[in-house]
């Protein structure tokens, strides 16, 4: 979907940069579990700070655009396949 305002990945629409950040934080927290204890704690704190910053920015930016709900409706069609 070149030129689109959203991205489609593994049958999921990624509509906002915030979704990318929160998904990345989940992966980083999972990855932290594979590190040595001292490094794991540092990585988890970093992911938590990133989530908190993204949450604050999300509050400042307001609600999602209407286009995201249209794409969510299109996604339901994939479940039929």
Protein backbone atom coordinates (compact mmCIF):
# COMPACT_ATOMS: atom_id res chain seq x y z
CA UNK A 1 0.00 0.00 0.00
CA UNK A 2 2.51 2.58 -1.13
CA UNK A 3 1.29 6.10 -0.61
CA UNK A 4 -1.34 5.10 1.92
CA UNK A 5 -1.63 6.59 5.38
CA UNK A 6 -1.67 3.17 7.00
CA UNK A 7 0.20 -0.09 6.76
CA UNK A 8 -1.10 -3.64 6.48
CA UNK A 9 0.94 -6.32 8.24
CA UNK A 10 -0.07 -9.91 8.88
CA UNK A 11 -3.78 -9.19 8.38
CA UNK A 12 -3.68 -6.23 10.78
CA UNK A 13 -3.93 -2.56 9.93
CA UNK A 14 -1.41 -0.29 11.59
CA UNK A 15 -3.12 3.08 11.48
CA UNK A 16 -1.01 5.28 13.71
CA UNK A 17 2.59 5.59 14.81
CA UNK A 18 1.35 4.96 18.34
CA UNK A 19 0.35 1.42 17.42
CA UNK A 20 3.88 0.85 16.16
CA UNK A 21 5.35 2.18 19.41
CA UNK A 22 3.11 0.08 21.67
CA UNK A 23 3.72 -3.06 19.61
CA UNK A 24 7.45 -2.42 19.70
CA UNK A 25 7.34 -2.01 23.47
CA UNK A 26 5.65 -5.38 23.81
CA UNK A 27 8.38 -7.03 21.75
CA UNK A 28 11.13 -5.22 23.69
CA UNK A 29 9.65 -6.36 27.01
CA UNK A 30 9.49 -9.93 25.71
CA UNK A 31 13.08 -9.67 24.48
CA UNK A 32 14.16 -8.36 27.90
CA UNK A 33 13.23 -11.72 29.37
CA UNK A 34 16.03 -13.29 27.34
CA UNK A 35 18.69 -10.96 28.75
CA UNK A 36 20.84 -11.15 31.85
CA UNK A 37 18.98 -9.84 34.93
CA UNK A 38 20.79 -6.49 35.12
CA UNK A 39 20.28 -5.78 31.43
CA UNK A 40 16.68 -7.08 31.51
CA UNK A 41 15.73 -4.53 34.16
CA UNK A 42 17.27 -1.69 32.14
CA UNK A 43 15.51 -2.78 28.95
CA UNK A 44 12.15 -3.11 30.73
CA UNK A 45 12.53 0.38 32.21
CA UNK A 46 13.31 1.77 28.75
CA UNK A 47 10.23 0.12 27.25
CA UNK A 48 8.10 1.46 30.10
CA UNK A 49 9.41 5.00 29.58
CA UNK A 50 8.71 4.75 25.87
CA UNK A 51 5.14 3.58 26.56
CA UNK A 52 4.55 6.41 29.02
CA UNK A 53 5.86 8.99 26.55
CA UNK A 54 3.71 7.60 23.73
CA UNK A 55 0.66 7.58 26.02
CA UNK A 56 1.19 11.25 26.86
CA UNK A 57 1.60 12.12 23.18
CA UNK A 58 -1.53 10.15 22.32
CA UNK A 59 -3.51 12.23 24.82
CA UNK A 60 -2.16 15.43 23.25
CA UNK A 61 -2.91 14.35 19.69
CA UNK A 62 -6.55 13.47 20.26
CA UNK A 63 -8.73 10.60 19.04
CA UNK A 64 -7.91 8.51 15.95
CA UNK A 65 -9.00 9.68 12.52
CA UNK A 66 -12.24 8.34 10.98
CA UNK A 67 -10.26 6.52 8.25
CA UNK A 68 -9.02 4.02 10.84
CA UNK A 69 -12.56 2.75 11.46
CA UNK A 70 -13.10 2.28 7.72
CA UNK A 71 -9.99 0.12 7.54
CA UNK A 72 -11.12 -1.88 10.56
CA UNK A 73 -14.33 -2.69 8.68
CA UNK A 74 -12.30 -3.81 5.65
CA UNK A 75 -10.23 -6.07 7.92
CA UNK A 76 -13.35 -8.01 8.89
CA UNK A 77 -13.57 -9.21 5.28
CA UNK A 78 -10.27 -11.07 5.70
CA UNK A 79 -11.74 -13.29 8.38
CA UNK A 80 -14.07 -14.73 5.76
CA UNK A 81 -11.07 -16.08 3.84
